[in-house]
Amino acid sequence: MIYDVSSSPPVLVGTYSETGQYPLSLALVGNLLYVGTTQGLLVLDVSTPQSPAKVATLTLPTSAMAVSGNFLFAGTTDHRLVVLNISNPTAPNQIAQVPLPDYPVNLRAVGSLLFIADNTAGLLTFGISIPSSPMLLSQYQPSSAIEDAAIDGNLALLAAADGGLVIADVSNPVTPHLVSQVRLDALNCFLECYGPAAVSVAIHDGLAYVGSANAFARVFGFDYGTTAHPRLVSLATYGTAVDQAVLNFGFYQSNMSVGVSLAPPQTDISQPRNVINLYYPGFLSGSGSLSLVAVRNAALFAHPKIRASIRQTN
């Protein structure tokens, strides 16, 4: 689905679907949209957003992607890092692959480095100055899992599942070290929240927005100007059930779109310390509490990004 986010609420302008292709990740390069699915990797021409057209398909089940120059780095559902030369987008060419210890949830390419949020394996940092030979530089595990990463200079801001927001110094990518950490369960939450877990993170205008699971899809906004002591400055809820999760973010001018439903909720963050929901379909009556049995079932059947963040109890 392609939305025009310059409108409030966002307007659906185009769609593309194939039987059996369930999307997991997106990467936009000019007028080309790379779509990672459970079955493969699709390349769509979206120069006319109302009618996307497929220009290529690869049998490469892709959970996460990052693009650097003419190279696309794909994390696959069978735990591999695959490098593609996309200089000819109608015929992407695989030039390298590296096994990964766990499911790659998100990838971020910054300069000559590639950061992989690799679920229970933590944050993997690869040197990609030679794209055909990615080199593992470090594996950093500050919590039970790393679900997302946002990079700001020498800082890596990590959505660290039950570890909350972790800020690491990656000035030496071989030896990342902890700067600070804020657990989300230490912050205000609905009574029914079942151990809120950080599953996504994005940076906008100097603030870090952390999306959660097991907490009615809450978004925690942190001022990390003093990196040793991140300060909670905003809090907004986007879900109607405790097991909903915020898996990604999109920003347009002063608006933030939150990936939690088919119609992405939108928030005015021009004054981020006093967030205002511009569009939200409405909170259902009641808080939508979830039994522990349902939580355990969700842990078994959810997308790995959510599954890794749901705690198991006896």
C-alpha atoms as a PDB file:
ATOM      1  CA  MET A   1       0.000   0.000   0.000  1.00  0.00           C
ATOM      2  CA  ILE A   2       1.268   3.480  -0.897  1.00  0.00           C
ATOM      3  CA  TYR A   3       0.021   6.433   1.142  1.00  0.00           C
ATOM      4  CA  ASP A   4       0.254  10.173   0.604  1.00  0.00           C
ATOM      5  CA  VAL A   5       1.354  11.330   4.057  1.00  0.00           C
ATOM      6  CA  SER A   6       1.175  15.015   3.178  1.00  0.00           C
ATOM      7  CA  SER A   7      -2.542  14.702   3.976  1.00  0.00           C
ATOM      8  CA  SER A   8      -4.102  14.192   7.370  1.00  0.00           C
ATOM      9  CA  PRO A   9      -5.310  11.509   7.586  1.00  0.00           C
ATOM     10  CA  PRO A  10      -2.892   9.851   5.118  1.00  0.00           C
ATOM     11  CA  VAL A  11      -4.531   9.040   1.771  1.00  0.00           C
ATOM     12  CA  LEU A  12      -4.168   5.657   0.074  1.00  0.00           C
ATOM     13  CA  VAL A  13      -3.006   6.308  -3.506  1.00  0.00           C
ATOM     14  CA  GLY A  14      -1.856   2.914  -4.784  1.00  0.00           C
ATOM     15  CA  THR A  15      -1.518  -0.788  -4.031  1.00  0.00           C
ATOM     16  CA  TYR A  16       0.336  -3.838  -5.296  1.00  0.00           C
ATOM     17  CA  SER A  17      -0.203  -7.434  -4.250  1.00  0.00           C
ATOM     18  CA  GLU A  18       0.714 -10.990  -5.235  1.00  0.00           C
ATOM     19  CA  THR A  19      -0.727 -14.168  -3.847  1.00  0.00           C
ATOM     20  CA  GLY A  20       1.525 -15.640  -1.163  1.00  0.00           C
ATOM     21  CA  GLN A  21       3.823 -12.607  -0.970  1.00  0.00           C
ATOM     22  CA  TYR A  22       3.662 -11.178   2.564  1.00  0.00           C
ATOM     23  CA  PRO A  23       5.724  -7.968   2.895  1.00  0.00           C
ATOM     24  CA  LEU A  24       8.296  -7.680   5.675  1.00  0.00           C
ATOM     25  CA  SER A  25      10.526  -4.771   4.598  1.00  0.00           C
ATOM     26  CA  LEU A  26      10.827  -1.852   2.174  1.00  0.00           C
ATOM     27  CA  ALA A  27      13.642   0.176   0.632  1.00  0.00           C
ATOM     28  CA  LEU A  28      12.988   3.121  -1.690  1.00  0.00           C
ATOM     29  CA  VAL A  29      15.676   4.085  -4.215  1.00  0.00           C
ATOM     30  CA  GLY A  30      14.516   6.895  -6.484  1.00  0.00           C
ATOM     31  CA  ASN A  31      11.400   5.642  -8.257  1.00  0.00           C
ATOM     32  CA  LEU A  32      12.136   2.018  -7.401  1.00  0.00           C
ATOM     33  CA  LEU A  33      10.669   0.288  -4.371  1.00  0.00           C
ATOM     34  CA  TYR A  34      12.337  -2.890  -3.156  1.00  0.00           C
ATOM     35  CA  VAL A  35       9.879  -5.072  -1.246  1.00  0.00           C
ATOM     36  CA  GLY A  36      11.144  -7.899   0.925  1.00  0.00           C
ATOM     37  CA  THR A  37       8.581 -10.652   1.446  1.00  0.00           C
ATOM     38  CA  THR A  38       8.343 -14.073   3.039  1.00  0.00           C
ATOM     39  CA  GLN A  39       8.813 -15.584  -0.420  1.00  0.00           C
ATOM     40  CA  GLY A  40      11.242 -13.278  -2.184  1.00  0.00           C
ATOM     41  CA  LEU A  41      12.399  -9.809  -3.142  1.00  0.00           C
ATOM     42  CA  LEU A  42      10.287  -7.715  -5.518  1.00  0.00           C
ATOM     43  CA  VAL A  43      11.395  -4.596  -7.384  1.00  0.00           C
ATOM     44  CA  LEU A  44       8.556  -2.201  -8.189  1.00  0.00           C
ATOM     45  CA  ASP A  45       8.567   0.891 -10.383  1.00  0.00           C
ATOM     46  CA  VAL A  46       6.551   3.455  -8.396  1.00  0.00           C
ATOM     47  CA  SER A  47       7.112   6.438 -10.681  1.00  0.00           C
ATOM     48  CA  THR A  48       3.323   6.339 -11.008  1.00  0.00           C
ATOM     49  CA  PRO A  49       2.291   5.602  -7.395  1.00  0.00           C
ATOM     50  CA  GLN A  50      -1.294   4.852  -8.404  1.00  0.00           C
ATOM     51  CA  SER A  51      -0.174   1.821 -10.430  1.00  0.00           C
ATOM     52  CA  PRO A  52       3.098   0.241  -9.254  1.00  0.00           C
ATOM     53  CA  ALA A  53       4.669  -2.078 -11.837  1.00  0.00           C
ATOM     54  CA  LYS A  54       6.967  -5.015 -11.078  1.00  0.00           C
ATOM     55  CA  VAL A  55      10.292  -4.943 -12.927  1.00  0.00           C
ATOM     56  CA  ALA A  56      12.120  -7.805 -11.203  1.00  0.00           C
ATOM     57  CA  THR A  57      11.727 -10.710  -8.769  1.00  0.00           C
ATOM     58  CA  LEU A  58      14.300 -12.711  -6.823  1.00  0.00           C
ATOM     59  CA  THR A  59      13.720 -15.878  -4.826  1.00  0.00           C
ATOM     60  CA  LEU A  60      15.221 -14.332  -1.721  1.00  0.00           C
ATOM     61  CA  PRO A  61      12.915 -14.237   1.345  1.00  0.00           C
ATOM     62  CA  THR A  62      13.895 -10.860   2.792  1.00  0.00           C
ATOM     63  CA  SER A  63      13.122  -9.581   6.281  1.00  0.00           C
ATOM     64  CA  ALA A  64      15.209  -6.381   6.252  1.00  0.00           C
ATOM     65  CA  MET A  65      17.173  -4.208   3.796  1.00  0.00           C
ATOM     66  CA  ALA A  66      19.602  -1.320   3.574  1.00  0.00           C
ATOM     67  CA  VAL A  67      20.987   0.394   0.481  1.00  0.00           C
ATOM     68  CA  SER A  68      24.450   1.906   0.041  1.00  0.00           C
ATOM     69  CA  GLY A  69      25.279   3.275  -3.401  1.00  0.00           C
ATOM     70  CA  ASN A  70      24.657   0.601  -6.025  1.00  0.00           C
ATOM     71  CA  PHE A  71      24.447  -2.166  -3.454  1.00  0.00           C
ATOM     72  CA  LEU A  72      21.492  -3.560  -1.552  1.00  0.00           C
ATOM     73  CA  PHE A  73      22.157  -5.480   1.652  1.00  0.00           C
ATOM     74  CA  ALA A  74      19.377  -7.954   2.378  1.00  0.00           C
ATOM     75  CA  GLY A  75      18.801  -9.802   5.626  1.00  0.00           C
ATOM     76  CA  THR A  76      16.978 -13.030   4.838  1.00  0.00           C
ATOM     77  CA  THR A  77      14.458 -15.042   6.814  1.00  0.00           C
ATOM     78  CA  ASP A  78      16.847 -18.009   6.777  1.00  0.00           C
ATOM     79  CA  HIS A  79      19.501 -15.988   8.639  1.00  0.00           C
ATOM     80  CA  ARG A  80      21.805 -14.711   5.899  1.00  0.00           C
ATOM     81  CA  LEU A  81      23.228 -11.394   4.817  1.00  0.00           C
ATOM     82  CA  VAL A  82      23.049 -11.226   1.017  1.00  0.00           C
ATOM     83  CA  VAL A  83      24.647  -8.435  -1.008  1.00  0.00           C
ATOM     84  CA  LEU A  84      23.135  -7.472  -4.369  1.00  0.00           C
ATOM     85  CA  ASN A  85      24.503  -5.186  -7.059  1.00  0.00           C
ATOM     86  CA  ILE A  86      21.466  -3.135  -8.121  1.00  0.00           C
ATOM     87  CA  SER A  87      23.131  -0.916 -10.711  1.00  0.00           C
ATOM     88  CA  ASN A  88      20.739  -2.635 -13.137  1.00  0.00           C
ATOM     89  CA  PRO A  89      17.521  -2.768 -11.070  1.00  0.00           C
ATOM     90  CA  THR A  90      15.780  -5.042 -13.571  1.00  0.00           C
ATOM     91  CA  ALA A  91      18.405  -7.713 -12.916  1.00  0.00           C
ATOM     92  CA  PRO A  92      19.875  -7.475  -9.394  1.00  0.00           C
ATOM     93  CA  ASN A  93      23.025  -9.558  -9.138  1.00  0.00           C
ATOM     94  CA  GLN A  94      24.132 -11.377  -5.978  1.00  0.00           C
ATOM     95  CA  ILE A  95      27.790 -10.760  -5.216  1.00  0.00           C
ATOM     96  CA  ALA A  96      28.139 -12.063  -1.645  1.00  0.00           C
ATOM     97  CA  GLN A  97      26.426 -13.835   1.221  1.00  0.00           C
ATOM     98  CA  VAL A  98      27.309 -14.308   4.879  1.00  0.00           C
ATOM     99  CA  PRO A  99      25.545 -16.506   7.474  1.00  0.00           C
ATOM    100  CA  LEU A 100      23.998 -14.710  10.446  1.00  0.00           C
ATOM    101  CA  PRO A 101      23.418 -16.139  13.930  1.00  0.00           C
ATOM    102  CA  ASP A 102      19.744 -15.129  14.145  1.00  0.00           C
ATOM    103  CA  TYR A 103      16.851 -13.472  12.311  1.00  0.00           C
ATOM    104  CA  PRO A 104      17.863 -10.047  10.896  1.00  0.00           C
ATOM    105  CA  VAL A 105      15.095  -7.677  11.977  1.00  0.00           C
ATOM    106  CA  ASN A 106      16.470  -4.348  10.721  1.00  0.00           C
ATOM    107  CA  LEU A 107      19.532  -3.141   8.788  1.00  0.00           C
ATOM    108  CA  ARG A 108      21.140   0.312   8.738  1.00  0.00           C
ATOM    109  CA  ALA A 109      23.945   1.289   6.347  1.00  0.00           C
ATOM    110  CA  VAL A 110      26.036   4.307   7.370  1.00  0.00           C
ATOM    111  CA  GLY A 111      29.155   5.115   5.381  1.00  0.00           C
ATOM    112  CA  SER A 112      31.395   2.049   5.325  1.00  0.00           C
ATOM    113  CA  LEU A 113      29.482   0.306   8.122  1.00  0.00           C
ATOM    114  CA  LEU A 114      26.396  -1.897   8.198  1.00  0.00           C
ATOM    115  CA  PHE A 115      24.511  -2.332  11.468  1.00  0.00           C
ATOM    116  CA  ILE A 116      22.203  -5.333  11.819  1.00  0.00           C
ATOM    117  CA  ALA A 117      19.628  -5.687  14.588  1.00  0.00           C
ATOM    118  CA  ASP A 118      19.871  -9.472  14.691  1.00  0.00           C
ATOM    119  CA  ASN A 119      17.266 -10.355  17.300  1.00  0.00           C
ATOM    120  CA  THR A 120      18.761 -12.475  20.107  1.00  0.00           C
ATOM    121  CA  ALA A 121      22.233 -12.241  18.546  1.00  0.00           C
ATOM    122  CA  GLY A 122      22.310  -8.521  19.361  1.00  0.00           C
ATOM    123  CA  LEU A 123      23.792  -5.745  17.233  1.00  0.00           C
ATOM    124  CA  LEU A 124      26.116  -6.975  14.486  1.00  0.00           C
ATOM    125  CA  THR A 125      28.462  -4.441  12.892  1.00  0.00           C
ATOM    126  CA  PHE A 126      29.945  -5.209   9.474  1.00  0.00           C
ATOM    127  CA  GLY A 127      32.560  -3.335   7.492  1.00  0.00           C
ATOM    128  CA  ILE A 128      31.236  -2.916   3.941  1.00  0.00           C
ATOM    129  CA  SER A 129      33.960  -0.808   2.317  1.00  0.00           C
ATOM    130  CA  ILE A 130      34.307  -3.793  -0.027  1.00  0.00           C
ATOM    131  CA  PRO A 131      30.648  -4.759  -0.615  1.00  0.00           C
ATOM    132  CA  SER A 132      31.579  -8.132  -2.085  1.00  0.00           C
ATOM    133  CA  SER A 133      33.360  -9.047   1.166  1.00  0.00           C
ATOM    134  CA  PRO A 134      31.384  -7.883   4.224  1.00  0.00           C
ATOM    135  CA  MET A 135      33.517  -8.226   7.343  1.00  0.00           C
ATOM    136  CA  LEU A 136      32.041  -8.791  10.804  1.00  0.00           C
ATOM    137  CA  LEU A 137      33.640  -6.295  13.164  1.00  0.00           C
ATOM    138  CA  SER A 138      31.670  -6.870  16.361  1.00  0.00           C
ATOM    139  CA  GLN A 139      28.681  -8.475  18.064  1.00  0.00           C
ATOM    140  CA  TYR A 140      27.177  -6.382  20.859  1.00  0.00           C
ATOM    141  CA  GLN A 141      24.584  -7.896  23.223  1.00  0.00           C
ATOM    142  CA  PRO A 142      23.397  -5.431  25.890  1.00  0.00           C
ATOM    143  CA  SER A 143      20.043  -7.223  26.387  1.00  0.00           C
ATOM    144  CA  SER A 144      18.081 -10.336  25.450  1.00  0.00           C
ATOM    145  CA  ALA A 145      17.511  -9.037  21.887  1.00  0.00           C
ATOM    146  CA  ILE A 146      18.088  -6.069  19.579  1.00  0.00           C
ATOM    147  CA  GLU A 147      15.097  -5.307  17.324  1.00  0.00           C
ATOM    148  CA  ASP A 148      16.104  -2.015  15.670  1.00  0.00           C
ATOM    149  CA  ALA A 149      18.900   0.539  15.471  1.00  0.00           C
ATOM    150  CA  ALA A 150      19.148   4.231  14.627  1.00  0.00           C
ATOM    151  CA  ILE A 151      22.546   5.797  14.078  1.00  0.00           C
ATOM    152  CA  ASP A 152      23.488   9.345  15.060  1.00  0.00           C
ATOM    153  CA  GLY A 153      27.159  10.034  14.412  1.00  0.00           C
ATOM    154  CA  ASN A 154      29.122   7.833  16.802  1.00  0.00           C
ATOM    155  CA  LEU A 155      26.013   6.762  18.685  1.00  0.00           C
ATOM    156  CA  ALA A 156      23.831   3.725  18.051  1.00  0.00           C
ATOM    157  CA  LEU A 157      20.372   4.020  19.577  1.00  0.00           C
ATOM    158  CA  LEU A 158      18.983   0.528  19.996  1.00  0.00           C
ATOM    159  CA  ALA A 159      15.495  -0.853  20.531  1.00  0.00           C
ATOM    160  CA  ALA A 160      16.614  -3.539  22.929  1.00  0.00           C
ATOM    161  CA  ALA A 161      13.396  -5.484  23.617  1.00  0.00           C
ATOM    162  CA  ASP A 162      13.070  -5.946  27.405  1.00  0.00           C
ATOM    163  CA  GLY A 163      16.203  -3.797  27.783  1.00  0.00           C
ATOM    164  CA  GLY A 164      14.321  -0.724  26.528  1.00  0.00           C
ATOM    165  CA  LEU A 165      16.330   2.043  24.878  1.00  0.00           C
ATOM    166  CA  VAL A 166      20.074   1.406  24.819  1.00  0.00           C
ATOM    167  CA  ILE A 167      22.547   4.048  23.662  1.00  0.00           C
ATOM    168  CA  ALA A 168      25.943   2.680  22.632  1.00  0.00           C
ATOM    169  CA  ASP A 169      29.133   4.425  21.563  1.00  0.00           C
ATOM    170  CA  VAL A 170      30.238   2.942  18.225  1.00  0.00           C
ATOM    171  CA  SER A 171      33.087   5.349  17.518  1.00  0.00           C
ATOM    172  CA  ASN A 172      35.213   2.209  17.509  1.00  0.00           C
ATOM    173  CA  PRO A 173      32.911  -0.258  15.730  1.00  0.00           C
ATOM    174  CA  VAL A 174      35.087  -3.156  16.850  1.00  0.00           C
ATOM    175  CA  THR A 175      34.280  -2.495  20.510  1.00  0.00           C
ATOM    176  CA  PRO A 176      30.888  -0.787  21.043  1.00  0.00           C
ATOM    177  CA  HIS A 177      30.278   0.175  24.640  1.00  0.00           C
ATOM    178  CA  LEU A 178      27.255   1.173  26.701  1.00  0.00           C
ATOM    179  CA  VAL A 179      26.580   4.880  27.281  1.00  0.00           C
ATOM    180  CA  SER A 180      23.128   4.654  28.872  1.00  0.00           C
ATOM    181  CA  GLN A 181      19.981   2.577  29.099  1.00  0.00           C
ATOM    182  CA  VAL A 182      16.318   3.258  29.922  1.00  0.00           C
ATOM    183  CA  ARG A 183      13.972   0.335  30.533  1.00  0.00           C
ATOM    184  CA  LEU A 184      10.434   0.995  29.342  1.00  0.00           C
ATOM    185  CA  ASP A 185       8.867  -0.997  32.156  1.00  0.00           C
ATOM    186  CA  ALA A 186      10.259   1.599  34.549  1.00  0.00           C
ATOM    187  CA  LEU A 187       8.006   4.212  32.921  1.00  0.00           C
ATOM    188  CA  ASN A 188       4.276   4.811  33.245  1.00  0.00           C
ATOM    189  CA  CYS A 189       2.110   2.150  31.593  1.00  0.00           C
ATOM    190  CA  PHE A 190      -1.435   0.797  31.567  1.00  0.00           C
ATOM    191  CA  LEU A 191      -2.043  -1.727  34.314  1.00  0.00           C
ATOM    192  CA  GLU A 192      -2.545  -4.451  31.713  1.00  0.00           C
ATOM    193  CA  CYS A 193       0.811  -3.878  30.021  1.00  0.00           C
ATOM    194  CA  TYR A 194       2.797  -7.071  29.988  1.00  0.00           C
ATOM    195  CA  GLY A 195       6.370  -5.902  30.253  1.00  0.00           C
ATOM    196  CA  PRO A 196       6.573  -3.205  27.524  1.00  0.00           C
ATOM    197  CA  ALA A 197       9.387  -4.024  25.098  1.00  0.00           C
ATOM    198  CA  ALA A 198      11.250  -1.712  22.702  1.00  0.00           C
ATOM    199  CA  VAL A 199      10.871  -3.010  19.126  1.00  0.00           C
ATOM    200  CA  SER A 200      11.585   0.045  16.949  1.00  0.00           C
ATOM    201  CA  VAL A 201      13.506   3.314  17.142  1.00  0.00           C
ATOM    202  CA  ALA A 202      13.805   6.416  14.949  1.00  0.00           C
ATOM    203  CA  ILE A 203      15.509   9.797  15.273  1.00  0.00           C
ATOM    204  CA  HIS A 204      13.858  13.059  14.265  1.00  0.00           C
ATOM    205  CA  ASP A 205      14.864  16.629  15.163  1.00  0.00           C
ATOM    206  CA  GLY A 206      17.143  15.527  17.963  1.00  0.00           C
ATOM    207  CA  LEU A 207      14.657  13.226  19.673  1.00  0.00           C
ATOM    208  CA  ALA A 208      14.581   9.442  19.734  1.00  0.00           C
ATOM    209  CA  TYR A 209      11.176   7.825  19.290  1.00  0.00           C
ATOM    210  CA  VAL A 210      10.917   4.280  20.628  1.00  0.00           C
ATOM    211  CA  GLY A 211       8.045   2.045  19.539  1.00  0.00           C
ATOM    212  CA  SER A 212       6.879  -0.622  21.942  1.00  0.00           C
ATOM    213  CA  ALA A 213       5.117  -3.971  22.030  1.00  0.00           C
ATOM    214  CA  ASN A 214       2.960  -5.325  24.881  1.00  0.00           C
ATOM    215  CA  ALA A 215       1.948  -1.750  25.797  1.00  0.00           C
ATOM    216  CA  PHE A 216      -0.939  -0.763  23.504  1.00  0.00           C
ATOM    217  CA  ALA A 217       1.535   0.344  20.824  1.00  0.00           C
ATOM    218  CA  ARG A 218       2.967   3.184  22.863  1.00  0.00           C
ATOM    219  CA  VAL A 219       5.645   5.517  21.507  1.00  0.00           C
ATOM    220  CA  PHE A 220       8.146   6.936  23.989  1.00  0.00           C
ATOM    221  CA  GLY A 221       9.956  10.121  22.983  1.00  0.00           C
ATOM    222  CA  PHE A 222      13.380  10.758  24.522  1.00  0.00           C
ATOM    223  CA  ASP A 223      15.623  13.809  24.541  1.00  0.00           C
ATOM    224  CA  TYR A 224      19.094  12.239  24.423  1.00  0.00           C
ATOM    225  CA  GLY A 225      21.040  15.506  24.210  1.00  0.00           C
ATOM    226  CA  THR A 226      22.696  14.411  27.436  1.00  0.00           C
ATOM    227  CA  THR A 227      23.497  10.911  26.236  1.00  0.00           C
ATOM    228  CA  ALA A 228      24.295   9.537  29.672  1.00  0.00           C
ATOM    229  CA  HIS A 229      20.828  10.501  30.894  1.00  0.00           C
ATOM    230  CA  PRO A 230      18.082  10.260  28.219  1.00  0.00           C
ATOM    231  CA  ARG A 231      14.953  12.075  29.367  1.00  0.00           C
ATOM    232  CA  LEU A 232      11.381  11.054  28.553  1.00  0.00           C
ATOM    233  CA  VAL A 233       9.641  14.076  27.016  1.00  0.00           C
ATOM    234  CA  SER A 234       6.620  12.605  25.231  1.00  0.00           C
ATOM    235  CA  LEU A 235       4.342   9.606  25.381  1.00  0.00           C
ATOM    236  CA  ALA A 236       1.516   8.609  23.037  1.00  0.00           C
ATOM    237  CA  THR A 237      -0.626   5.498  22.585  1.00  0.00           C
ATOM    238  CA  TYR A 238      -1.633   4.164  19.154  1.00  0.00           C
ATOM    239  CA  GLY A 239      -3.077   0.713  19.853  1.00  0.00           C
ATOM    240  CA  THR A 240      -6.400  -0.661  20.972  1.00  0.00           C
ATOM    241  CA  ALA A 241      -5.029  -3.941  22.329  1.00  0.00           C
ATOM    242  CA  VAL A 242      -2.110  -4.688  24.607  1.00  0.00           C
ATOM    243  CA  ASP A 243      -0.418  -6.968  22.067  1.00  0.00           C
ATOM    244  CA  GLN A 244      -0.227  -4.369  19.271  1.00  0.00           C
ATOM    245  CA  ALA A 245       3.245  -3.104  18.414  1.00  0.00           C
ATOM    246  CA  VAL A 246       4.855  -0.117  16.698  1.00  0.00           C
ATOM    247  CA  LEU A 247       7.174  -1.665  14.099  1.00  0.00           C
ATOM    248  CA  ASN A 248       8.346   1.439  12.223  1.00  0.00           C
ATOM    249  CA  PHE A 249       8.057   5.198  11.761  1.00  0.00           C
ATOM    250  CA  GLY A 250       7.745   7.682   8.917  1.00  0.00           C
ATOM    251  CA  PHE A 251       8.290  11.446   9.058  1.00  0.00           C
ATOM    252  CA  TYR A 252       6.988  14.218   6.826  1.00  0.00           C
ATOM    253  CA  GLN A 253       7.652  17.816   7.906  1.00  0.00           C
ATOM    254  CA  SER A 254       6.215  18.063  11.430  1.00  0.00           C
ATOM    255  CA  ASN A 255       4.113  14.890  11.156  1.00  0.00           C
ATOM    256  CA  MET A 256       5.040  11.424  12.350  1.00  0.00           C
ATOM    257  CA  SER A 257       3.305   8.343  10.934  1.00  0.00           C
ATOM    258  CA  VAL A 258       3.381   5.240  13.092  1.00  0.00           C
ATOM    259  CA  GLY A 259       3.438   1.712  11.675  1.00  0.00           C
ATOM    260  CA  VAL A 260       0.827   0.002  13.791  1.00  0.00           C
ATOM    261  CA  SER A 261      -2.182  -0.529  11.489  1.00  0.00           C
ATOM    262  CA  LEU A 262      -3.265  -0.516   7.833  1.00  0.00           C
ATOM    263  CA  ALA A 263      -4.170   3.178   8.132  1.00  0.00           C
ATOM    264  CA  PRO A 264      -1.042   4.575   9.821  1.00  0.00           C
ATOM    265  CA  PRO A 265      -1.879   6.895  12.731  1.00  0.00           C
ATOM    266  CA  GLN A 266      -0.359  10.355  12.395  1.00  0.00           C
ATOM    267  CA  THR A 267       0.875  12.742  15.059  1.00  0.00           C
ATOM    268  CA  ASP A 268       1.862  16.405  14.977  1.00  0.00           C
ATOM    269  CA  ILE A 269       5.322  16.555  16.568  1.00  0.00           C
ATOM    270  CA  SER A 270       6.034  20.224  15.890  1.00  0.00           C
ATOM    271  CA  GLN A 271       5.971  20.515  19.693  1.00  0.00           C
ATOM    272  CA  PRO A 272       7.220  17.035  20.562  1.00  0.00           C
ATOM    273  CA  ARG A 273       7.016  17.583  24.277  1.00  0.00           C
ATOM    274  CA  ASN A 274       3.260  17.947  23.933  1.00  0.00           C
ATOM    275  CA  VAL A 275       2.307  15.497  21.179  1.00  0.00           C
ATOM    276  CA  ILE A 276      -1.146  15.694  19.589  1.00  0.00           C
ATOM    277  CA  ASN A 277      -2.690  12.804  17.677  1.00  0.00           C
ATOM    278  CA  LEU A 278      -3.866  14.256  14.332  1.00  0.00           C
ATOM    279  CA  TYR A 279      -5.510  11.077  13.133  1.00  0.00           C
ATOM    280  CA  TYR A 280      -6.451   7.968  15.016  1.00  0.00           C
ATOM    281  CA  PRO A 281      -9.415   5.666  14.382  1.00  0.00           C
ATOM    282  CA  GLY A 282     -10.536   5.777  18.001  1.00  0.00           C
ATOM    283  CA  PHE A 283      -9.900   3.775  21.158  1.00  0.00           C
ATOM    284  CA  LEU A 284     -12.318   0.898  21.662  1.00  0.00           C
ATOM    285  CA  SER A 285     -14.188   0.658  24.938  1.00  0.00           C
ATOM    286  CA  GLY A 286     -12.056  -0.943  27.607  1.00  0.00           C
ATOM    287  CA  SER A 287      -8.306  -1.290  27.671  1.00  0.00           C
ATOM    288  CA  GLY A 288      -8.034  -4.475  25.639  1.00  0.00           C
ATOM    289  CA  SER A 289      -6.245  -6.579  28.233  1.00  0.00           C
ATOM    290  CA  LEU A 290      -4.686  -9.848  27.119  1.00  0.00           C
ATOM    291  CA  SER A 291      -4.521 -13.093  29.063  1.00  0.00           C
ATOM    292  CA  LEU A 292      -1.167 -14.726  29.740  1.00  0.00           C
ATOM    293  CA  VAL A 293      -2.254 -17.680  27.592  1.00  0.00           C
ATOM    294  CA  ALA A 294      -2.842 -15.326  24.661  1.00  0.00           C
ATOM    295  CA  VAL A 295       0.534 -13.714  25.263  1.00  0.00           C
ATOM    296  CA  ARG A 296       2.231 -17.104  25.091  1.00  0.00           C
ATOM    297  CA  ASN A 297       0.364 -17.898  21.858  1.00  0.00           C
ATOM    298  CA  ALA A 298       1.384 -14.540  20.405  1.00  0.00           C
ATOM    299  CA  ALA A 299       4.974 -15.360  21.225  1.00  0.00           C
ATOM    300  CA  LEU A 300       4.697 -18.520  19.153  1.00  0.00           C
ATOM    301  CA  PHE A 301       2.993 -17.097  16.100  1.00  0.00           C
ATOM    302  CA  ALA A 302       3.994 -13.433  15.900  1.00  0.00           C
ATOM    303  CA  HIS A 303       6.510 -11.954  13.443  1.00  0.00           C
ATOM    304  CA  PRO A 304       9.992 -12.492  14.949  1.00  0.00           C
ATOM    305  CA  LYS A 305      10.264  -8.764  15.633  1.00  0.00           C
ATOM    306  CA  ILE A 306       7.345  -9.054  18.046  1.00  0.00           C
ATOM    307  CA  ARG A 307       7.955 -12.635  19.170  1.00  0.00           C
ATOM    308  CA  ALA A 308      11.403 -11.875  20.537  1.00  0.00           C
ATOM    309  CA  SER A 309      10.004  -9.101  22.705  1.00  0.00           C
ATOM    310  CA  ILE A 310       7.210 -11.079  24.373  1.00  0.00           C
ATOM    311  CA  ARG A 311       8.323 -12.570  27.660  1.00  0.00           C
ATOM    312  CA  GLN A 312       7.562 -16.159  28.493  1.00  0.00           C
ATOM    313  CA  THR A 313       6.338 -16.981  31.991  1.00  0.00           C
ATOM    314  CA  ASN A 314       5.656 -20.170  33.853  1.00  0.00           C
END
